[in-house]
Structure formats: C-alpha cells, structure tokens
Amino acid sequence: MFEGFQTHRIDHDGVPIHAVVGGEGPPLLLLHGHPQTHVIWHKVADELARHFTVVATDLRGYGDSGKPAGLPDHANYSKRVMAADQLAVMRELGFERFRVLAHDRGARVAHRLAVDHPQAVEKLVTLDIAPTLAMYAQTTEAFARAYYHWFFLIRPAPFPETLIEADPALYLRQTMGGRSAGMTPFTDAALAEYLRCLSLPGAAHGLCEDYRASAGIDLEHDRADIDAGRKVECDMLALWGANGAVEQCFSPLDEWRKVARHVTGHAMPCGHYIAEEVPEILLAEVLPFLRG
C-alpha cells in the first residue's frame, strides 16, 4: 500500500502528525475516520496521485500520530485543534492552499478547517456525515442504535478505554463489521494495519477524546459559527452512503446547505466506508469536482 509515497512526521504544538505524501500536481489532503487510519485511502490513492500531490495523514489520537492525554474540557481534541494540526502539516510541506477529501471523523475536522481557515481550503469533499450539531440535535432511537459508539465513547475515562483495550480486534469487528457491508470491504492488509494502530498505547484514549470533544466543545464552536453567520465558503461536495444511517436518519444535503454556501451532493450506492466499498465510483465522483 502507498508504494512510492514518502513518510513524514510533522510536529504541531508538541504533537507529531504522521503523513504519507505522493504524486504530483495540486495539493490534496486526505483525512480518515474512526476507528481507522490514512490506510482507508489505499484503494484510491494511486489514482488520486496521478492528478494531485496527495497528503494522507493520521488524525491526532489515531494511527501513528501523537496521542496526548485529553484535557478536562477535551479542548486539545477539538476539531479546531485537529484542523490546526492539518493546516500545520500542509504548510510545513509548502502548501498554503489545498483541496480536501475527508471521511467520517476526518470530515468533521475538514468542516472545521474550511470554516476556520477559508483562505487555505480551495475545495471540500465530505464522505458520509451530516454536520455534527445537526446529528446530535436530531438524534432518534434509530440513530442511537446505529451509532451507539457516539454515546459509549463519550463516557468518562477510563471506562470505554478499558473495554476497547481489552480486545481491540473485537472492537474493530463490531464497529466496522456492524455496518451495512459487513467486513467485506476491508482487505487483510488494511485490517492488520487498523488493528496494529488501535492496539498502540493511548489509541483508545485518543479516539474517545475525539468523540468527547465532539459532544462538548465542538458543539460550542458550531453554535458560535451559526450565531456569527460563519459558513463553509469554498465549493463543497457532500457524498454519503445510501445504505447507511446518515441517509436513513437525516437529510444531509439540507443540513449542509444550512452551514455551507456552495454545496451539492447525493447518496452513493454503498454504506459508510465509501472509499473501501466503491473506490471506482468514488473516483468517478470526486475527480471532476476536485480537478474542476
């Protein structure tokens, strides 16, 4: 995976961020989701690298990036701080402006990155999310059952961390395999990498802190944006799985239009893990948008 890509480790405020970089052309930042790493892009990275300089990172708290202990208010895992990590990576690599393709938790970081740093983000693609505030505000029984981990992971430390660390492989299988496509989208090599990274010291705490921040300080930031009229200013494409909870429980495009000025999007013929379930269809969707 990622043959020909170069590995980088870039520090931001004492937290190292792991990245792989390959290809040539305009810069494109790829951000992954939970409970995975940059490896989610392994089926599309080579083709993207034919058109872009691809930068695929591990979010703070995930993969081979740093996993600091969470602060009492979880502010050091806020999407604002995680977005600043990614901005620092791109600037260190020499990119002041760039495009972003992001899935799941990474898409929440990308949303914050586009709002906080509009001068940096040229275009934005989000995969299988609706805005965080909308999803919490509109939680139903169906959503809570489908996304039980949203409410499990925010319990005070060390309860969820202890359960995840007791059997990381079980957590991966239950979390990823419990979606509409089961375990079929994931290659053995990718699964091995996800398990290696989830088994690292501090990994369970990092992902819990990500969710704790989203249920607290991130919502404060989102409400402040609404009050101030701040929105995503760049062109945005929102894609989501037709077989997933985002489609079944929300009206994602309607919600994005409330917080982004120039957004289009639609459901894809898949579940949550779009880049691994339907990589060819994803490329056909995002390449014209990102290159245009």
C-alpha atoms as a PDB file:
ATOM      1  CA  MET A   1       0.000   0.000   0.000  1.00  0.00           C
ATOM      2  CA  PHE A   2       1.109   3.573  -0.845  1.00  0.00           C
ATOM      3  CA  GLU A   3       4.096   2.367  -2.840  1.00  0.00           C
ATOM      4  CA  GLY A   4       6.268   5.321  -3.786  1.00  0.00           C
ATOM      5  CA  PHE A   5       4.802   7.581  -1.105  1.00  0.00           C
ATOM      6  CA  GLN A   6       7.189   9.250   1.321  1.00  0.00           C
ATOM      7  CA  THR A   7       6.613   9.203   5.076  1.00  0.00           C
ATOM      8  CA  HIS A   8       6.660  12.439   7.077  1.00  0.00           C
ATOM      9  CA  ARG A   9       6.277  13.185  10.776  1.00  0.00           C
ATOM     10  CA  ILE A  10       5.399  16.810  11.372  1.00  0.00           C
ATOM     11  CA  ASP A  11       5.103  18.345  14.831  1.00  0.00           C
ATOM     12  CA  HIS A  12       2.325  20.747  15.765  1.00  0.00           C
ATOM     13  CA  ASP A  13       2.383  22.155  19.300  1.00  0.00           C
ATOM     14  CA  GLY A  14       4.261  19.102  20.545  1.00  0.00           C
ATOM     15  CA  VAL A  15       2.011  16.536  18.845  1.00  0.00           C
ATOM     16  CA  PRO A  16       3.573  14.673  15.906  1.00  0.00           C
ATOM     17  CA  ILE A  17       1.285  14.096  12.930  1.00  0.00           C
ATOM     18  CA  HIS A  18       2.057  11.133  10.671  1.00  0.00           C
ATOM     19  CA  ALA A  19       1.621  11.623   6.923  1.00  0.00           C
ATOM     20  CA  VAL A  20       2.396   9.885   3.654  1.00  0.00           C
ATOM     21  CA  VAL A  21       2.936  12.026   0.562  1.00  0.00           C
ATOM     22  CA  GLY A  22       2.967  11.004  -3.080  1.00  0.00           C
ATOM     23  CA  GLY A  23       2.103  12.061  -6.609  1.00  0.00           C
ATOM     24  CA  GLU A  24       2.358  15.420  -8.299  1.00  0.00           C
ATOM     25  CA  GLY A  25       0.069  18.301  -9.082  1.00  0.00           C
ATOM     26  CA  PRO A  26      -2.137  20.496  -6.885  1.00  0.00           C
ATOM     27  CA  PRO A  27      -2.111  19.502  -3.194  1.00  0.00           C
ATOM     28  CA  LEU A  28      -4.908  17.271  -1.910  1.00  0.00           C
ATOM     29  CA  LEU A  29      -5.291  16.465   1.798  1.00  0.00           C
ATOM     30  CA  LEU A  30      -6.957  13.150   2.691  1.00  0.00           C
ATOM     31  CA  LEU A  31      -8.446  12.687   6.178  1.00  0.00           C
ATOM     32  CA  HIS A  32      -9.725   9.371   7.552  1.00  0.00           C
ATOM     33  CA  GLY A  33     -12.372   8.342  10.066  1.00  0.00           C
ATOM     34  CA  HIS A  34     -12.873   6.155  13.128  1.00  0.00           C
ATOM     35  CA  PRO A  35     -11.514   3.649  14.067  1.00  0.00           C
ATOM     36  CA  GLN A  36      -9.143   3.710  11.116  1.00  0.00           C
ATOM     37  CA  THR A  37      -6.081   5.499   9.739  1.00  0.00           C
ATOM     38  CA  HIS A  38      -4.880   7.038   6.475  1.00  0.00           C
ATOM     39  CA  VAL A  39      -4.899   3.481   5.104  1.00  0.00           C
ATOM     40  CA  ILE A  40      -8.606   3.874   4.242  1.00  0.00           C
ATOM     41  CA  TRP A  41      -7.429   5.562   1.038  1.00  0.00           C
ATOM     42  CA  HIS A  42      -5.273   2.669  -0.197  1.00  0.00           C
ATOM     43  CA  LYS A  43      -7.706   1.710  -2.980  1.00  0.00           C
ATOM     44  CA  VAL A  44      -7.856   5.236  -4.446  1.00  0.00           C
ATOM     45  CA  ALA A  45      -4.506   6.800  -3.507  1.00  0.00           C
ATOM     46  CA  ASP A  46      -2.595   5.729  -6.619  1.00  0.00           C
ATOM     47  CA  GLU A  47      -5.201   7.161  -8.996  1.00  0.00           C
ATOM     48  CA  LEU A  48      -5.506  10.368  -6.984  1.00  0.00           C
ATOM     49  CA  ALA A  49      -1.707  10.686  -7.064  1.00  0.00           C
ATOM     50  CA  ARG A  50      -1.833  10.775 -10.878  1.00  0.00           C
ATOM     51  CA  HIS A  51      -3.601  14.136 -10.616  1.00  0.00           C
ATOM     52  CA  PHE A  52      -2.583  15.586  -7.251  1.00  0.00           C
ATOM     53  CA  THR A  53       0.170  15.747  -4.697  1.00  0.00           C
ATOM     54  CA  VAL A  54      -1.616  13.545  -2.180  1.00  0.00           C
ATOM     55  CA  VAL A  55      -1.080  14.095   1.553  1.00  0.00           C
ATOM     56  CA  ALA A  56      -2.755  11.371   3.637  1.00  0.00           C
ATOM     57  CA  THR A  57      -2.445  11.877   7.383  1.00  0.00           C
ATOM     58  CA  ASP A  58      -3.378  10.145  10.610  1.00  0.00           C
ATOM     59  CA  LEU A  59      -5.508  12.398  12.785  1.00  0.00           C
ATOM     60  CA  ARG A  60      -4.335  13.354  16.256  1.00  0.00           C
ATOM     61  CA  GLY A  61      -5.164  10.390  18.507  1.00  0.00           C
ATOM     62  CA  TYR A  62      -5.171   7.879  15.640  1.00  0.00           C
ATOM     63  CA  GLY A  63      -2.707   5.748  13.711  1.00  0.00           C
ATOM     64  CA  ASP A  64       0.927   6.714  14.131  1.00  0.00           C
ATOM     65  CA  SER A  65       0.172  10.324  15.090  1.00  0.00           C
ATOM     66  CA  GLY A  66       0.569  11.614  18.636  1.00  0.00           C
ATOM     67  CA  LYS A  67      -1.971  10.719  21.300  1.00  0.00           C
ATOM     68  CA  PRO A  68      -1.781  13.295  24.087  1.00  0.00           C
ATOM     69  CA  ALA A  69      -3.775  12.876  27.272  1.00  0.00           C
ATOM     70  CA  GLY A  70      -7.072  14.701  26.984  1.00  0.00           C
ATOM     71  CA  LEU A  71      -7.635  17.935  28.864  1.00  0.00           C
ATOM     72  CA  PRO A  72     -10.568  18.202  31.282  1.00  0.00           C
ATOM     73  CA  ASP A  73     -12.652  20.033  28.653  1.00  0.00           C
ATOM     74  CA  HIS A  74     -11.230  17.851  25.831  1.00  0.00           C
ATOM     75  CA  ALA A  75     -10.167  21.041  24.024  1.00  0.00           C
ATOM     76  CA  ASN A  76      -6.943  19.504  22.732  1.00  0.00           C
ATOM     77  CA  TYR A  77      -9.090  17.089  20.712  1.00  0.00           C
ATOM     78  CA  SER A  78     -11.497  19.739  19.478  1.00  0.00           C
ATOM     79  CA  LYS A  79     -11.953  19.775  15.731  1.00  0.00           C
ATOM     80  CA  ARG A  80     -10.485  23.276  15.840  1.00  0.00           C
ATOM     81  CA  VAL A  81      -7.198  21.935  17.207  1.00  0.00           C
ATOM     82  CA  MET A  82      -7.258  18.868  14.968  1.00  0.00           C
ATOM     83  CA  ALA A  83      -7.829  21.140  11.966  1.00  0.00           C
ATOM     84  CA  ALA A  84      -4.879  23.276  13.051  1.00  0.00           C
ATOM     85  CA  ASP A  85      -2.768  20.093  13.044  1.00  0.00           C
ATOM     86  CA  GLN A  86      -3.638  19.521   9.414  1.00  0.00           C
ATOM     87  CA  LEU A  87      -3.021  23.118   8.425  1.00  0.00           C
ATOM     88  CA  ALA A  88       0.422  22.911  10.049  1.00  0.00           C
ATOM     89  CA  VAL A  89       1.202  19.744   8.085  1.00  0.00           C
ATOM     90  CA  MET A  90       0.253  21.308   4.779  1.00  0.00           C
ATOM     91  CA  ARG A  91       2.194  24.483   5.489  1.00  0.00           C
ATOM     92  CA  GLU A  92       5.257  22.509   6.525  1.00  0.00           C
ATOM     93  CA  LEU A  93       5.061  20.716   3.189  1.00  0.00           C
ATOM     94  CA  GLY A  94       4.864  24.065   1.414  1.00  0.00           C
ATOM     95  CA  PHE A  95       1.136  24.205   0.648  1.00  0.00           C
ATOM     96  CA  GLU A  96      -0.773  27.334   1.656  1.00  0.00           C
ATOM     97  CA  ARG A  97      -3.896  26.410  -0.339  1.00  0.00           C
ATOM     98  CA  PHE A  98      -5.194  22.903  -0.978  1.00  0.00           C
ATOM     99  CA  ARG A  99      -8.186  20.707  -1.628  1.00  0.00           C
ATOM    100  CA  VAL A 100      -9.586  18.295   0.987  1.00  0.00           C
ATOM    101  CA  LEU A 101     -11.244  14.873   0.673  1.00  0.00           C
ATOM    102  CA  ALA A 102     -12.339  13.554   4.054  1.00  0.00           C
ATOM    103  CA  HIS A 103     -14.345  10.701   5.564  1.00  0.00           C
ATOM    104  CA  ASP A 104     -16.251  10.380   8.847  1.00  0.00           C
ATOM    105  CA  ARG A 105     -14.283  11.938  11.757  1.00  0.00           C
ATOM    106  CA  GLY A 106     -11.827  13.404   9.283  1.00  0.00           C
ATOM    107  CA  ALA A 107     -14.724  15.099   7.511  1.00  0.00           C
ATOM    108  CA  ARG A 108     -15.666  16.795  10.785  1.00  0.00           C
ATOM    109  CA  VAL A 109     -12.088  18.042  11.062  1.00  0.00           C
ATOM    110  CA  ALA A 110     -12.281  19.175   7.424  1.00  0.00           C
ATOM    111  CA  HIS A 111     -15.534  21.068   8.086  1.00  0.00           C
ATOM    112  CA  ARG A 112     -13.839  22.973  10.892  1.00  0.00           C
ATOM    113  CA  LEU A 113     -10.718  23.523   8.774  1.00  0.00           C
ATOM    114  CA  ALA A 114     -12.784  25.084   5.982  1.00  0.00           C
ATOM    115  CA  VAL A 115     -14.648  27.390   8.376  1.00  0.00           C
ATOM    116  CA  ASP A 116     -11.651  28.450  10.467  1.00  0.00           C
ATOM    117  CA  HIS A 117      -9.193  28.765   7.570  1.00  0.00           C
ATOM    118  CA  PRO A 118     -11.166  29.701   4.442  1.00  0.00           C
ATOM    119  CA  GLN A 119      -8.048  31.091   2.826  1.00  0.00           C
ATOM    120  CA  ALA A 120      -6.475  27.613   2.872  1.00  0.00           C
ATOM    121  CA  VAL A 121      -9.245  25.292   1.637  1.00  0.00           C
ATOM    122  CA  GLU A 122      -9.985  25.566  -2.080  1.00  0.00           C
ATOM    123  CA  LYS A 123     -12.493  22.718  -2.358  1.00  0.00           C
ATOM    124  CA  LEU A 124     -14.003  20.284   0.126  1.00  0.00           C
ATOM    125  CA  VAL A 125     -15.457  16.787  -0.238  1.00  0.00           C
ATOM    126  CA  THR A 126     -17.056  15.134   2.795  1.00  0.00           C
ATOM    127  CA  LEU A 127     -17.949  11.447   2.928  1.00  0.00           C
ATOM    128  CA  ASP A 128     -20.867  10.046   4.928  1.00  0.00           C
ATOM    129  CA  ILE A 129     -21.518  12.692   7.509  1.00  0.00           C
ATOM    130  CA  ALA A 130     -24.012  15.426   8.221  1.00  0.00           C
ATOM    131  CA  PRO A 131     -22.895  18.379  10.376  1.00  0.00           C
ATOM    132  CA  THR A 132     -22.120  17.308  13.938  1.00  0.00           C
ATOM    133  CA  LEU A 133     -24.521  19.720  15.616  1.00  0.00           C
ATOM    134  CA  ALA A 134     -27.397  18.626  13.393  1.00  0.00           C
ATOM    135  CA  MET A 135     -26.752  14.957  14.103  1.00  0.00           C
ATOM    136  CA  TYR A 136     -26.704  15.410  17.868  1.00  0.00           C
ATOM    137  CA  ALA A 137     -29.709  17.742  17.842  1.00  0.00           C
ATOM    138  CA  GLN A 138     -31.762  15.321  15.745  1.00  0.00           C
ATOM    139  CA  THR A 139     -30.776  12.073  17.483  1.00  0.00           C
ATOM    140  CA  THR A 140     -33.511   9.454  17.319  1.00  0.00           C
ATOM    141  CA  GLU A 141     -33.747   5.915  18.615  1.00  0.00           C
ATOM    142  CA  ALA A 142     -32.806   4.603  15.175  1.00  0.00           C
ATOM    143  CA  PHE A 143     -29.695   6.777  15.050  1.00  0.00           C
ATOM    144  CA  ALA A 144     -28.697   5.924  18.626  1.00  0.00           C
ATOM    145  CA  ARG A 145     -28.920   2.214  17.820  1.00  0.00           C
ATOM    146  CA  ALA A 146     -26.929   2.555  14.595  1.00  0.00           C
ATOM    147  CA  TYR A 147     -24.298   4.879  16.107  1.00  0.00           C
ATOM    148  CA  TYR A 148     -24.198   3.503  19.631  1.00  0.00           C
ATOM    149  CA  HIS A 149     -20.459   4.257  19.792  1.00  0.00           C
ATOM    150  CA  TRP A 150     -21.170   8.009  19.739  1.00  0.00           C
ATOM    151  CA  PHE A 151     -22.658   7.635  23.208  1.00  0.00           C
ATOM    152  CA  PHE A 152     -20.409   4.872  24.514  1.00  0.00           C
ATOM    153  CA  LEU A 153     -17.132   6.611  23.684  1.00  0.00           C
ATOM    154  CA  ILE A 154     -18.046   9.866  25.449  1.00  0.00           C
ATOM    155  CA  ARG A 155     -18.430   8.174  28.831  1.00  0.00           C
ATOM    156  CA  PRO A 156     -15.794   9.395  31.325  1.00  0.00           C
ATOM    157  CA  ALA A 157     -12.336   7.840  31.167  1.00  0.00           C
ATOM    158  CA  PRO A 158     -11.211   5.175  31.674  1.00  0.00           C
ATOM    159  CA  PHE A 159     -14.403   3.166  31.190  1.00  0.00           C
ATOM    160  CA  PRO A 160     -14.633   2.962  27.373  1.00  0.00           C
ATOM    161  CA  GLU A 161     -10.842   2.906  27.003  1.00  0.00           C
ATOM    162  CA  THR A 162     -10.615  -0.116  29.313  1.00  0.00           C
ATOM    163  CA  LEU A 163     -13.180  -2.075  27.314  1.00  0.00           C
ATOM    164  CA  ILE A 164     -11.572  -1.260  23.946  1.00  0.00           C
ATOM    165  CA  GLU A 165      -8.070  -2.090  25.183  1.00  0.00           C
ATOM    166  CA  ALA A 166      -9.276  -5.454  26.500  1.00  0.00           C
ATOM    167  CA  ASP A 167      -9.913  -6.662  22.930  1.00  0.00           C
ATOM    168  CA  PRO A 168      -9.098  -4.172  20.138  1.00  0.00           C
ATOM    169  CA  ALA A 169      -9.805  -6.770  17.449  1.00  0.00           C
ATOM    170  CA  LEU A 170     -13.315  -7.313  18.790  1.00  0.00           C
ATOM    171  CA  TYR A 171     -13.932  -3.571  18.849  1.00  0.00           C
ATOM    172  CA  LEU A 172     -12.833  -3.275  15.219  1.00  0.00           C
ATOM    173  CA  ARG A 173     -15.012  -6.171  14.085  1.00  0.00           C
ATOM    174  CA  GLN A 174     -18.073  -4.962  15.960  1.00  0.00           C
ATOM    175  CA  THR A 175     -17.695  -1.325  14.930  1.00  0.00           C
ATOM    176  CA  MET A 176     -16.679  -1.738  11.299  1.00  0.00           C
ATOM    177  CA  GLY A 177     -18.373  -5.054  10.616  1.00  0.00           C
ATOM    178  CA  GLY A 178     -21.640  -3.877  12.122  1.00  0.00           C
ATOM    179  CA  ARG A 179     -22.317  -1.560   9.184  1.00  0.00           C
ATOM    180  CA  SER A 180     -24.324  -2.475   6.096  1.00  0.00           C
ATOM    181  CA  ALA A 181     -21.446  -4.066   4.141  1.00  0.00           C
ATOM    182  CA  GLY A 182     -20.059  -6.177   6.991  1.00  0.00           C
ATOM    183  CA  MET A 183     -16.336  -6.894   6.803  1.00  0.00           C
ATOM    184  CA  THR A 184     -16.192  -7.493   3.058  1.00  0.00           C
ATOM    185  CA  PRO A 185     -14.808  -4.055   2.036  1.00  0.00           C
ATOM    186  CA  PHE A 186     -11.640  -4.435   4.094  1.00  0.00           C
ATOM    187  CA  THR A 187      -8.510  -6.154   2.826  1.00  0.00           C
ATOM    188  CA  ASP A 188      -6.419  -8.283   5.159  1.00  0.00           C
ATOM    189  CA  ALA A 189      -3.549  -5.818   4.886  1.00  0.00           C
ATOM    190  CA  ALA A 190      -5.735  -2.850   5.797  1.00  0.00           C
ATOM    191  CA  LEU A 191      -7.340  -4.678   8.715  1.00  0.00           C
ATOM    192  CA  ALA A 192      -3.939  -5.654  10.056  1.00  0.00           C
ATOM    193  CA  GLU A 193      -2.880  -2.015   9.972  1.00  0.00           C
ATOM    194  CA  TYR A 194      -6.058  -0.808  11.678  1.00  0.00           C
ATOM    195  CA  LEU A 195      -5.567  -3.394  14.428  1.00  0.00           C
ATOM    196  CA  ARG A 196      -1.889  -2.528  14.870  1.00  0.00           C
ATOM    197  CA  CYS A 197      -2.723   1.124  15.316  1.00  0.00           C
ATOM    198  CA  LEU A 198      -5.722   0.602  17.595  1.00  0.00           C
ATOM    199  CA  SER A 199      -3.501  -1.577  19.803  1.00  0.00           C
ATOM    200  CA  LEU A 200      -0.918   1.183  20.299  1.00  0.00           C
ATOM    201  CA  PRO A 201      -0.657   2.793  23.753  1.00  0.00           C
ATOM    202  CA  GLY A 202      -3.036   5.713  24.023  1.00  0.00           C
ATOM    203  CA  ALA A 203      -5.009   4.850  20.877  1.00  0.00           C
ATOM    204  CA  ALA A 204      -8.243   4.017  22.681  1.00  0.00           C
ATOM    205  CA  HIS A 205      -7.961   7.197  24.728  1.00  0.00           C
ATOM    206  CA  GLY A 206      -7.288   9.290  21.632  1.00  0.00           C
ATOM    207  CA  LEU A 207     -10.381   8.173  19.785  1.00  0.00           C
ATOM    208  CA  CYS A 208     -12.531   8.555  22.908  1.00  0.00           C
ATOM    209  CA  GLU A 209     -11.260  12.101  23.351  1.00  0.00           C
ATOM    210  CA  ASP A 210     -12.143  12.864  19.738  1.00  0.00           C
ATOM    211  CA  TYR A 211     -15.754  11.895  20.470  1.00  0.00           C
ATOM    212  CA  ARG A 212     -15.841  13.585  23.868  1.00  0.00           C
ATOM    213  CA  ALA A 213     -14.777  16.833  22.219  1.00  0.00           C
ATOM    214  CA  SER A 214     -17.490  16.462  19.583  1.00  0.00           C
ATOM    215  CA  ALA A 215     -20.181  16.111  22.244  1.00  0.00           C
ATOM    216  CA  GLY A 216     -18.986  19.225  24.066  1.00  0.00           C
ATOM    217  CA  ILE A 217     -16.582  21.908  22.924  1.00  0.00           C
ATOM    218  CA  ASP A 218     -17.130  21.208  19.223  1.00  0.00           C
ATOM    219  CA  LEU A 219     -20.841  21.925  19.627  1.00  0.00           C
ATOM    220  CA  GLU A 220     -19.972  25.226  21.292  1.00  0.00           C
ATOM    221  CA  HIS A 221     -17.824  26.143  18.294  1.00  0.00           C
ATOM    222  CA  ASP A 222     -20.571  25.100  15.864  1.00  0.00           C
ATOM    223  CA  ARG A 223     -23.192  27.172  17.671  1.00  0.00           C
ATOM    224  CA  ALA A 224     -20.854  30.174  17.674  1.00  0.00           C
ATOM    225  CA  ASP A 225     -20.468  29.827  13.898  1.00  0.00           C
ATOM    226  CA  ILE A 226     -24.240  29.902  13.454  1.00  0.00           C
ATOM    227  CA  ASP A 227     -24.591  32.945  15.691  1.00  0.00           C
ATOM    228  CA  ALA A 228     -21.850  34.764  13.762  1.00  0.00           C
ATOM    229  CA  GLY A 229     -23.020  33.661  10.319  1.00  0.00           C
ATOM    230  CA  ARG A 230     -19.793  31.795   9.569  1.00  0.00           C
ATOM    231  CA  LYS A 231     -20.131  29.083   6.924  1.00  0.00           C
ATOM    232  CA  VAL A 232     -18.038  26.934   4.602  1.00  0.00           C
ATOM    233  CA  GLU A 233     -17.162  29.388   1.837  1.00  0.00           C
ATOM    234  CA  CYS A 234     -15.450  27.113  -0.695  1.00  0.00           C
ATOM    235  CA  ASP A 235     -17.177  24.853  -3.190  1.00  0.00           C
ATOM    236  CA  MET A 236     -18.249  21.689  -1.367  1.00  0.00           C
ATOM    237  CA  LEU A 237     -19.392  18.229  -2.430  1.00  0.00           C
ATOM    238  CA  ALA A 238     -21.173  16.086   0.179  1.00  0.00           C
ATOM    239  CA  LEU A 239     -21.457  12.353  -0.538  1.00  0.00           C
ATOM    240  CA  TRP A 240     -22.937   9.697   1.694  1.00  0.00           C
ATOM    241  CA  GLY A 241     -23.897   6.032   1.604  1.00  0.00           C
ATOM    242  CA  ALA A 242     -27.451   5.161   0.563  1.00  0.00           C
ATOM    243  CA  ASN A 243     -27.310   2.158   2.892  1.00  0.00           C
ATOM    244  CA  GLY A 244     -26.083   3.992   5.980  1.00  0.00           C
ATOM    245  CA  ALA A 245     -27.512   5.792   8.977  1.00  0.00           C
ATOM    246  CA  VAL A 246     -26.750   9.261   7.606  1.00  0.00           C
ATOM    247  CA  GLU A 247     -29.152   8.626   4.725  1.00  0.00           C
ATOM    248  CA  GLN A 248     -31.720   6.837   6.849  1.00  0.00           C
ATOM    249  CA  CYS A 249     -31.826   9.241   9.802  1.00  0.00           C
ATOM    250  CA  PHE A 250     -31.079  12.682   8.355  1.00  0.00           C
ATOM    251  CA  SER A 251     -31.434  14.921   5.310  1.00  0.00           C
ATOM    252  CA  PRO A 252     -27.711  15.503   4.857  1.00  0.00           C
ATOM    253  CA  LEU A 253     -27.777  17.862   1.885  1.00  0.00           C
ATOM    254  CA  ASP A 254     -30.411  20.048   3.543  1.00  0.00           C
ATOM    255  CA  GLU A 255     -28.282  20.205   6.692  1.00  0.00           C
ATOM    256  CA  TRP A 256     -25.116  21.057   4.772  1.00  0.00           C
ATOM    257  CA  ARG A 257     -26.909  23.868   2.962  1.00  0.00           C
ATOM    258  CA  LYS A 258     -27.504  25.480   6.349  1.00  0.00           C
ATOM    259  CA  VAL A 259     -23.755  25.697   7.070  1.00  0.00           C
ATOM    260  CA  ALA A 260     -22.140  25.874   3.603  1.00  0.00           C
ATOM    261  CA  ARG A 261     -22.742  28.460   0.887  1.00  0.00           C
ATOM    262  CA  HIS A 262     -21.929  26.406  -2.224  1.00  0.00           C
ATOM    263  CA  VAL A 263     -22.709  22.726  -1.692  1.00  0.00           C
ATOM    264  CA  THR A 264     -24.003  19.923  -3.870  1.00  0.00           C
ATOM    265  CA  GLY A 265     -24.210  16.220  -3.145  1.00  0.00           C
ATOM    266  CA  HIS A 266     -26.102  12.967  -3.163  1.00  0.00           C
ATOM    267  CA  ALA A 267     -26.179   9.423  -1.834  1.00  0.00           C
ATOM    268  CA  MET A 268     -23.798   6.768  -3.173  1.00  0.00           C
ATOM    269  CA  PRO A 269     -24.665   3.082  -3.812  1.00  0.00           C
ATOM    270  CA  CYS A 270     -22.892   1.808  -0.712  1.00  0.00           C
ATOM    271  CA  GLY A 271     -22.702   2.019   3.058  1.00  0.00           C
ATOM    272  CA  HIS A 272     -20.438   4.012   5.356  1.00  0.00           C
ATOM    273  CA  TYR A 273     -16.960   3.053   4.147  1.00  0.00           C
ATOM    274  CA  ILE A 274     -17.209   4.626   0.699  1.00  0.00           C
ATOM    275  CA  ALA A 275     -13.511   4.625  -0.258  1.00  0.00           C
ATOM    276  CA  GLU A 276     -13.206   0.925   0.521  1.00  0.00           C
ATOM    277  CA  GLU A 277     -16.641  -0.230  -0.660  1.00  0.00           C
ATOM    278  CA  VAL A 278     -16.897   1.552  -4.011  1.00  0.00           C
ATOM    279  CA  PRO A 279     -13.490   3.082  -4.820  1.00  0.00           C
ATOM    280  CA  GLU A 280     -14.052   3.314  -8.581  1.00  0.00           C
ATOM    281  CA  ILE A 281     -17.401   5.061  -8.148  1.00  0.00           C
ATOM    282  CA  LEU A 282     -15.885   7.445  -5.618  1.00  0.00           C
ATOM    283  CA  LEU A 283     -13.089   8.375  -8.017  1.00  0.00           C
ATOM    284  CA  ALA A 284     -15.589   8.992 -10.798  1.00  0.00           C
ATOM    285  CA  GLU A 285     -17.463  11.383  -8.497  1.00  0.00           C
ATOM    286  CA  VAL A 286     -14.622  13.309  -6.883  1.00  0.00           C
ATOM    287  CA  LEU A 287     -12.054  13.675  -9.670  1.00  0.00           C
ATOM    288  CA  PRO A 288     -14.151  16.000 -11.861  1.00  0.00           C
ATOM    289  CA  PHE A 289     -15.095  18.089  -8.829  1.00  0.00           C
ATOM    290  CA  LEU A 290     -11.589  18.340  -7.401  1.00  0.00           C
ATOM    291  CA  ARG A 291      -9.938  18.986 -10.774  1.00  0.00           C
ATOM    292  CA  GLY A 292     -12.517  21.497 -11.981  1.00  0.00           C
END
